[in-house]
Amino acid sequence: MKGTPKKQTLDSYLRGQYTEKTAVAYAREIDLYLTNCPQAASATYATITAYIGRIRSKYRPSTVNRILSSIKAYYSYLCATGERTDHPAASIELKDQRRRDIQLQDLLRPEELETLLARTERYPNLEGRNKVLVSLLMYQALLPAEMEQLRAGDIDLEAGTVYIRPTGKTSGRELSLKPSQVLLFYRYIREERPRLLQGRKTEALLVGIRGGAMAAEDITKHVKRSYQGLYPGRPVTAQTVRQSVLANLLKQGHDVSVVQVFAGHRYPGSTERYRQDDVATLAAAVRKYHPFG
């Protein structure tokens, strides 16, 4: 007779959903929460908000937000293992956090996004790498942190897909590559990337001129530096490119749930922020096709 399957542990759940660093930080905060709230497993919305209320006077908003994110991860685990059928903390939001409003006047139209790949490269040996990097921004709307985690093995050229690992902010997912990307990735992975590595060993997809893996900060700086002044008065950054892609998709009529999965958002509310319903405020309204599917 086969034994009952072992229940997934909290630690393995966290490591499967978040980066190693985030999983460790969340586990630490959850331990403190369980110590201070012995009945946490059966806690209600009111119980959790009361707990958050008590710690708000002790910590700065960013710390409280991290603690809340950890608590949400704990209840997501309970839901995943069937210990709870509801998520009592899902709708809790901190009102004193800095809002990251979408600056509509900075968004790029689909045709403006397409010009990013037409940039003349200063260093020819980095042209393939840079086009791969920018294409991941404008076609898959990846975050720099997601791009940092990409491995060459995450690209399936035969299937035409890329696997995105989860981060502390986004969920893992598999996205389709555009046909034009497949050849671009093929040349970069088979020819240009080995030349950049110069014999060094790293699994990272994106590597620098000296063969080292590109960090999220390097990617952010590269985009900002490369497109500075391209559209006067509007900053072209990794953030504004991602925001433009997501806002354009919603404007095209794609369902919020579809865009949510595409973006890796954990909650629908994160995707809803990209809606552009007030036509009078649209400095960058979508006029026609943007590559999505």
Protein backbone atom coordinates (compact mmCIF):
# COMPACT_ATOMS: atom_id res chain seq x y z
CA MET A 1 0.00 0.00 0.00
CA LYS A 2 1.42 3.36 -1.00
CA GLY A 3 1.92 5.94 1.70
CA THR A 4 0.22 9.32 1.78
CA PRO A 5 2.17 11.93 -0.26
CA LYS A 6 4.17 14.28 1.94
CA LYS A 7 2.78 17.78 2.25
CA GLN A 8 4.92 20.49 0.73
CA THR A 9 6.83 22.38 3.40
CA LEU A 10 6.65 26.14 3.76
CA ASP A 11 10.36 26.41 3.01
CA SER A 12 10.12 24.46 -0.26
CA TYR A 13 7.03 26.46 -1.26
CA LEU A 14 8.81 29.78 -0.73
CA ARG A 15 11.89 28.63 -2.63
CA GLY A 16 9.70 27.53 -5.50
CA GLN A 17 7.88 30.85 -5.71
CA TYR A 18 10.61 33.41 -4.98
CA THR A 19 14.31 34.00 -5.38
CA GLU A 20 16.62 32.46 -2.79
CA LYS A 21 17.18 35.82 -1.08
CA THR A 22 13.49 36.67 -0.94
CA ALA A 23 12.52 33.19 0.26
CA VAL A 24 14.97 33.42 3.17
CA ALA A 25 13.75 36.91 4.11
CA TYR A 26 10.08 35.86 3.93
CA ALA A 27 10.74 32.73 6.02
CA ARG A 28 12.33 34.88 8.72
CA GLU A 29 9.40 37.31 8.83
CA ILE A 30 6.87 34.45 8.83
CA ASP A 31 8.63 32.84 11.82
CA LEU A 32 8.28 36.11 13.74
CA TYR A 33 4.65 36.42 12.72
CA LEU A 34 3.83 32.88 13.87
CA THR A 35 5.63 33.50 17.17
CA ASN A 36 3.67 36.68 17.83
CA CYS A 37 0.38 35.28 16.52
CA PRO A 38 -0.03 31.67 17.75
CA GLN A 39 -3.44 31.40 16.04
CA ALA A 40 -2.09 32.65 12.72
CA ALA A 41 -3.22 29.58 10.78
CA SER A 42 -6.86 30.44 11.47
CA ALA A 43 -6.46 34.23 11.56
CA THR A 44 -9.09 36.48 9.99
CA TYR A 45 -8.73 39.68 8.01
CA ALA A 46 -9.37 41.66 11.21
CA THR A 47 -6.70 39.74 13.11
CA ILE A 48 -4.08 40.38 10.46
CA THR A 49 -4.88 44.08 10.05
CA ALA A 50 -4.68 44.46 13.85
CA TYR A 51 -1.22 42.88 13.76
CA ILE A 52 -0.10 45.20 10.97
CA GLY A 53 -1.50 48.11 12.95
CA ARG A 54 0.65 47.20 15.96
CA ILE A 55 3.91 47.01 14.02
CA ARG A 56 3.36 50.19 12.00
CA SER A 57 4.46 52.32 14.92
CA LYS A 58 7.70 50.35 15.23
CA TYR A 59 8.94 50.16 11.64
CA ARG A 60 9.19 52.35 8.60
CA PRO A 61 6.65 51.80 5.79
CA SER A 62 9.02 49.82 3.54
CA THR A 63 9.70 47.34 6.35
CA VAL A 64 6.01 46.99 7.17
CA ASN A 65 5.32 46.37 3.50
CA ARG A 66 7.92 43.60 3.43
CA ILE A 67 6.36 42.01 6.52
CA LEU A 68 2.91 42.20 4.90
CA SER A 69 4.26 40.58 1.73
CA SER A 70 5.70 37.78 3.87
CA ILE A 71 2.37 37.26 5.62
CA LYS A 72 0.60 37.12 2.26
CA ALA A 73 3.09 34.50 1.11
CA TYR A 74 2.30 32.44 4.23
CA TYR A 75 -1.43 32.40 3.50
CA SER A 76 -0.78 31.65 -0.17
CA TYR A 77 1.10 28.58 1.08
CA LEU A 78 -1.83 27.54 3.26
CA CYS A 79 -4.15 27.86 0.27
CA ALA A 80 -1.75 25.92 -1.96
CA THR A 81 -1.60 23.02 0.52
CA GLY A 82 -5.35 23.00 1.11
CA GLU A 83 -5.12 24.07 4.76
CA ARG A 84 -7.24 27.09 3.93
CA THR A 85 -9.70 27.82 1.17
CA ASP A 86 -9.56 31.59 1.65
CA HIS A 87 -6.71 34.12 1.65
CA PRO A 88 -7.46 36.54 4.51
CA ALA A 89 -4.63 38.94 3.66
CA ALA A 90 -5.03 39.14 -0.11
CA SER A 91 -6.85 42.49 -0.16
CA ILE A 92 -4.75 44.24 2.50
CA GLU A 93 -2.82 47.19 1.09
CA LEU A 94 -0.76 49.83 2.89
CA LYS A 95 -2.01 53.31 2.14
CA ASP A 96 1.18 55.01 3.33
CA GLN A 97 3.39 53.34 0.73
CA ARG A 98 4.77 55.46 -2.08
CA ARG A 99 2.46 55.00 -5.05
CA ARG A 100 4.14 54.11 -8.31
CA ASP A 101 1.61 55.70 -10.61
CA ILE A 102 1.91 55.09 -14.31
CA GLN A 103 3.00 58.31 -16.00
CA LEU A 104 0.78 58.25 -19.08
CA GLN A 105 2.64 61.11 -20.71
CA ASP A 106 5.82 59.01 -20.75
CA LEU A 107 4.37 55.93 -22.45
CA LEU A 108 5.61 54.89 -25.88
CA ARG A 109 3.34 54.01 -28.78
CA PRO A 110 3.87 50.65 -30.51
CA GLU A 111 5.66 52.26 -33.44
CA GLU A 112 7.93 54.15 -31.05
CA LEU A 113 8.80 50.92 -29.26
CA GLU A 114 9.77 49.34 -32.57
CA THR A 115 12.42 52.03 -33.17
CA LEU A 116 14.37 50.78 -30.16
CA LEU A 117 15.71 47.85 -32.18
CA ALA A 118 16.89 50.17 -34.95
CA ARG A 119 19.51 51.85 -32.75
CA THR A 120 23.02 52.08 -34.24
CA GLU A 121 25.37 50.18 -31.97
CA ARG A 122 28.54 51.85 -30.73
CA TYR A 123 30.24 48.50 -30.23
CA PRO A 124 29.52 46.02 -33.08
CA ASN A 125 30.54 43.02 -30.95
CA LEU A 126 27.67 43.85 -28.56
CA GLU A 127 25.02 44.38 -31.22
CA GLY A 128 23.48 40.90 -30.93
CA ARG A 129 23.47 41.01 -27.14
CA ASN A 130 21.88 44.42 -27.07
CA LYS A 131 19.15 43.49 -29.56
CA VAL A 132 18.33 40.38 -27.52
CA LEU A 133 18.16 42.53 -24.37
CA VAL A 134 15.92 45.19 -25.91
CA SER A 135 13.67 42.62 -27.59
CA LEU A 136 12.99 41.02 -24.20
CA LEU A 137 11.87 44.43 -22.96
CA MET A 138 9.65 45.36 -25.88
CA TYR A 139 8.15 41.95 -26.69
CA GLN A 140 8.05 40.17 -23.31
CA ALA A 141 8.04 43.28 -21.06
CA LEU A 142 10.54 41.72 -18.66
CA LEU A 143 11.89 43.40 -15.57
CA PRO A 144 15.68 43.86 -15.30
CA ALA A 145 15.64 41.49 -12.31
CA GLU A 146 13.96 38.83 -14.46
CA MET A 147 16.48 39.35 -17.25
CA GLU A 148 19.35 39.01 -14.80
CA GLN A 149 18.07 35.55 -13.85
CA LEU A 150 17.70 34.33 -17.43
CA ARG A 151 19.91 31.39 -18.36
CA ALA A 152 20.86 30.36 -21.88
CA GLY A 153 19.03 27.09 -21.19
CA ASP A 154 15.80 29.00 -20.53
CA ILE A 155 15.54 29.72 -24.25
CA ASP A 156 13.87 26.93 -26.22
CA LEU A 157 14.56 27.83 -29.84
CA GLU A 158 12.72 24.82 -31.20
CA ALA A 159 9.53 25.63 -29.29
CA GLY A 160 10.09 29.39 -29.60
CA THR A 161 9.68 30.07 -25.88
CA VAL A 162 11.50 31.64 -22.96
CA TYR A 163 11.08 30.57 -19.34
CA ILE A 164 10.96 33.42 -16.81
CA ARG A 165 11.94 32.55 -13.25
CA PRO A 166 9.90 34.03 -10.37
CA THR A 167 11.23 37.05 -8.49
CA GLY A 168 10.14 38.71 -5.30
CA LYS A 169 7.70 40.81 -7.35
CA THR A 170 6.64 38.55 -10.20
CA SER A 171 5.53 34.98 -10.83
CA GLY A 172 7.37 32.51 -13.01
CA ARG A 173 5.96 31.94 -16.49
CA GLU A 174 6.75 30.74 -20.00
CA LEU A 175 6.30 33.22 -22.83
CA SER A 176 6.42 32.86 -26.59
CA LEU A 177 9.19 34.45 -28.61
CA LYS A 178 8.37 36.47 -31.69
CA PRO A 179 9.47 34.82 -34.97
CA SER A 180 12.01 37.60 -35.47
CA GLN A 181 13.49 36.86 -32.06
CA VAL A 182 14.19 33.19 -32.77
CA LEU A 183 16.91 33.91 -35.35
CA LEU A 184 18.23 36.76 -33.22
CA PHE A 185 18.56 34.47 -30.20
CA TYR A 186 20.03 31.66 -32.30
CA ARG A 187 22.87 33.83 -33.57
CA TYR A 188 23.52 35.33 -30.16
CA ILE A 189 23.56 32.03 -28.23
CA ARG A 190 25.50 30.04 -30.84
CA GLU A 191 27.93 32.66 -32.09
CA GLU A 192 28.08 35.99 -30.28
CA ARG A 193 27.67 34.93 -26.65
CA PRO A 194 30.59 32.42 -26.82
CA ARG A 195 32.81 35.19 -28.19
CA LEU A 196 31.84 37.50 -25.33
CA LEU A 197 32.47 34.80 -22.74
CA GLN A 198 36.10 34.43 -23.90
CA GLY A 199 36.30 31.01 -22.29
CA ARG A 200 34.64 32.07 -19.04
CA LYS A 201 31.83 29.92 -17.70
CA THR A 202 28.43 31.32 -16.72
CA GLU A 203 24.89 30.16 -17.37
CA ALA A 204 23.62 33.73 -17.61
CA LEU A 205 22.02 34.57 -20.95
CA LEU A 206 23.12 38.20 -20.96
CA VAL A 207 26.85 38.79 -20.56
CA GLY A 208 28.96 41.92 -20.63
CA ILE A 209 31.88 42.94 -22.79
CA ARG A 210 34.31 41.26 -20.37
CA GLY A 211 32.36 38.02 -20.26
CA GLY A 212 30.69 38.49 -16.90
CA ALA A 213 26.96 38.10 -16.25
CA MET A 214 24.93 41.30 -16.53
CA ALA A 215 23.20 42.31 -13.29
CA ALA A 216 19.81 44.03 -13.19
CA GLU A 217 21.56 47.31 -12.44
CA ASP A 218 23.73 46.92 -15.56
CA ILE A 219 20.64 46.32 -17.70
CA THR A 220 18.86 49.36 -16.25
CA LYS A 221 21.88 51.60 -16.87
CA HIS A 222 22.37 50.27 -20.40
CA VAL A 223 18.80 51.08 -21.47
CA LYS A 224 18.82 54.53 -19.88
CA ARG A 225 22.19 55.42 -21.41
CA SER A 226 21.42 53.97 -24.85
CA TYR A 227 18.13 55.81 -25.40
CA GLN A 228 18.77 59.06 -23.55
CA GLY A 229 17.24 61.89 -25.55
CA LEU A 230 15.58 59.61 -28.11
CA TYR A 231 12.17 61.13 -27.39
CA PRO A 232 12.83 64.56 -25.80
CA GLY A 233 10.82 65.12 -22.66
CA ARG A 234 10.08 61.42 -22.21
CA PRO A 235 12.56 59.12 -20.47
CA VAL A 236 13.13 55.80 -22.21
CA THR A 237 13.98 53.37 -19.41
CA ALA A 238 13.43 49.68 -18.77
CA GLN A 239 10.50 50.69 -16.56
CA THR A 240 8.78 52.94 -19.10
CA VAL A 241 9.20 50.33 -21.86
CA ARG A 242 7.55 47.65 -19.70
CA GLN A 243 4.79 50.04 -18.65
CA SER A 244 4.17 50.99 -22.28
CA VAL A 245 3.89 47.37 -23.41
CA LEU A 246 1.41 46.46 -20.67
CA ALA A 247 -0.69 49.61 -21.08
CA ASN A 248 -0.79 49.10 -24.85
CA LEU A 249 -1.97 45.50 -24.46
CA LEU A 250 -4.86 46.53 -22.23
CA LYS A 251 -5.77 49.35 -24.58
CA GLN A 252 -5.89 46.82 -27.42
CA GLY A 253 -8.59 44.96 -25.53
CA HIS A 254 -6.66 42.02 -24.07
CA ASP A 255 -8.33 40.67 -20.94
CA VAL A 256 -6.80 41.79 -17.64
CA SER A 257 -6.28 38.17 -16.57
CA VAL A 258 -4.30 37.44 -19.75
CA VAL A 259 -2.09 40.51 -19.32
CA GLN A 260 -1.67 39.65 -15.63
CA VAL A 261 -0.16 36.25 -16.50
CA PHE A 262 1.94 37.81 -19.29
CA ALA A 263 3.36 40.41 -16.87
CA GLY A 264 3.87 37.95 -14.03
CA HIS A 265 1.73 40.04 -11.69
CA ARG A 266 0.58 38.18 -8.58
CA TYR A 267 -2.61 40.19 -8.20
CA PRO A 268 -5.09 41.63 -10.74
CA GLY A 269 -4.84 45.04 -9.06
CA SER A 270 -1.22 45.33 -10.19
CA THR A 271 -2.36 44.95 -13.80
CA GLU A 272 -5.38 47.23 -13.45
CA ARG A 273 -3.02 50.16 -12.80
CA TYR A 274 -2.06 50.07 -16.46
CA ARG A 275 -5.57 50.77 -17.73
CA GLN A 276 -5.94 53.97 -19.73
CA ASP A 277 -9.64 54.73 -19.55
CA ASP A 278 -9.59 58.53 -19.53
CA VAL A 279 -8.99 59.45 -23.18
CA ALA A 280 -8.33 63.07 -22.26
CA THR A 281 -5.21 62.08 -20.29
CA LEU A 282 -3.69 59.80 -22.91
CA ALA A 283 -0.53 61.46 -24.13
CA ALA A 284 0.49 58.14 -25.68
CA ALA A 285 -2.71 56.42 -26.78
CA VAL A 286 -2.36 53.19 -28.72
CA ARG A 287 -3.27 53.55 -32.36
CA LYS A 288 -2.55 50.19 -33.89
CA TYR A 289 -0.94 46.77 -33.59
CA HIS A 290 1.58 45.97 -30.87
CA PRO A 291 3.26 42.54 -30.92
CA PHE A 292 1.70 40.32 -28.27
CA GLY A 293 0.25 37.22 -29.85
